[in-house]
């Protein structure tokens, strides 16, 4: 697997392609999780970001790349923000569990883009030929809307990857030195403390939700501009980049710089899985390996950040009366039993 992922120039370039969406969705999960907001909806926000970016690219056909590409980035971010708005308002106004609401929004987003391409004559669907009308496919964006890539010594760095690297540094600086990042860390460790010290917790949660959704939406825009060049619901839903981003963030222990390495590792794993796919390496093997990695990391975090103590407690049993009805004075019989207790600290440890 190392040979296919990193053993050649072509393999490294393919790994960087797989790394790009993982880095961006991992950032979306990291920003939310470090602030104590559990946004599981990066998958659906990526769908809507891809839909918005492709729509803008089609609408601006004929414009120069300097105009189209920034508009695609903004449209993707706004699409992710719009899809994160519903669970954000539900959490802030009604204290709804964001895990459930964001998870449900993923399925709605998947059904929406599927409807646009397969079940309607929407603006995103190609209806120019009889073949396209019989076999639904999205419209291809114009060539001047394709995102450029940076070539360095034979390595090809997609624009989305460069954006992700830049945002990783900004997120690290914001959490370490920014005023809002400090409030976010306080809220993650103790919401009551943050509230009593004057932090506007509802505004903080709302802003974190929107920032996380924007990053996931940019990941969707990158899928359109860098790679697919059309809205393809089947490939987007099969890839599962939004869910894989959660694994990337947890594997990095919510460290923005560690996120770069973990996304590179999982990108290489995914790339090697595609190269090795065959009778002896089924299609679902990579997903199985990712699940095993997730369980191992969570188990490691549990053992590192929790102290397990076996506590012996005394339990007294009542004295039994003798056969003649009399009782004997003295100390009651004592039996002991063991109980395992977990003494917790921060589940993700020190991250700065």
Foldseek 3Di string as FASTA:
>chain_A
DCCQCPVDLVNVQLLLVQLLLLLLLLVLQLLQVLLQHGQLQLLLLLLQLLVQLLVQLQVPPPDALVPNQVNSLVRLLVSLLVLLQVLLCCCLPVVDRNVVVSVVSNVVSLVVLCCQFPPDVHPQWDPPDPVCVVPTFGDFGDPSLAFAWDDDPSHTRTPSNVVSVVVLVVVQCCLVPNPLNVLSNVCNQPVVVSVVVPNPVSVSSSVSSSVSSSSSSSSSSCCCRHPDRGNDSVVSVVVPSNNSSNLLCLVLLSASVSSSVSSSVLSSLVSVLVVPDDPVRDNCNSVVVSVVSSVVSLVVLQVVFKDKDKDKDKDFDDDDADPVRHDDDDDTDIDIDIDIDIDGDPSSPDHD
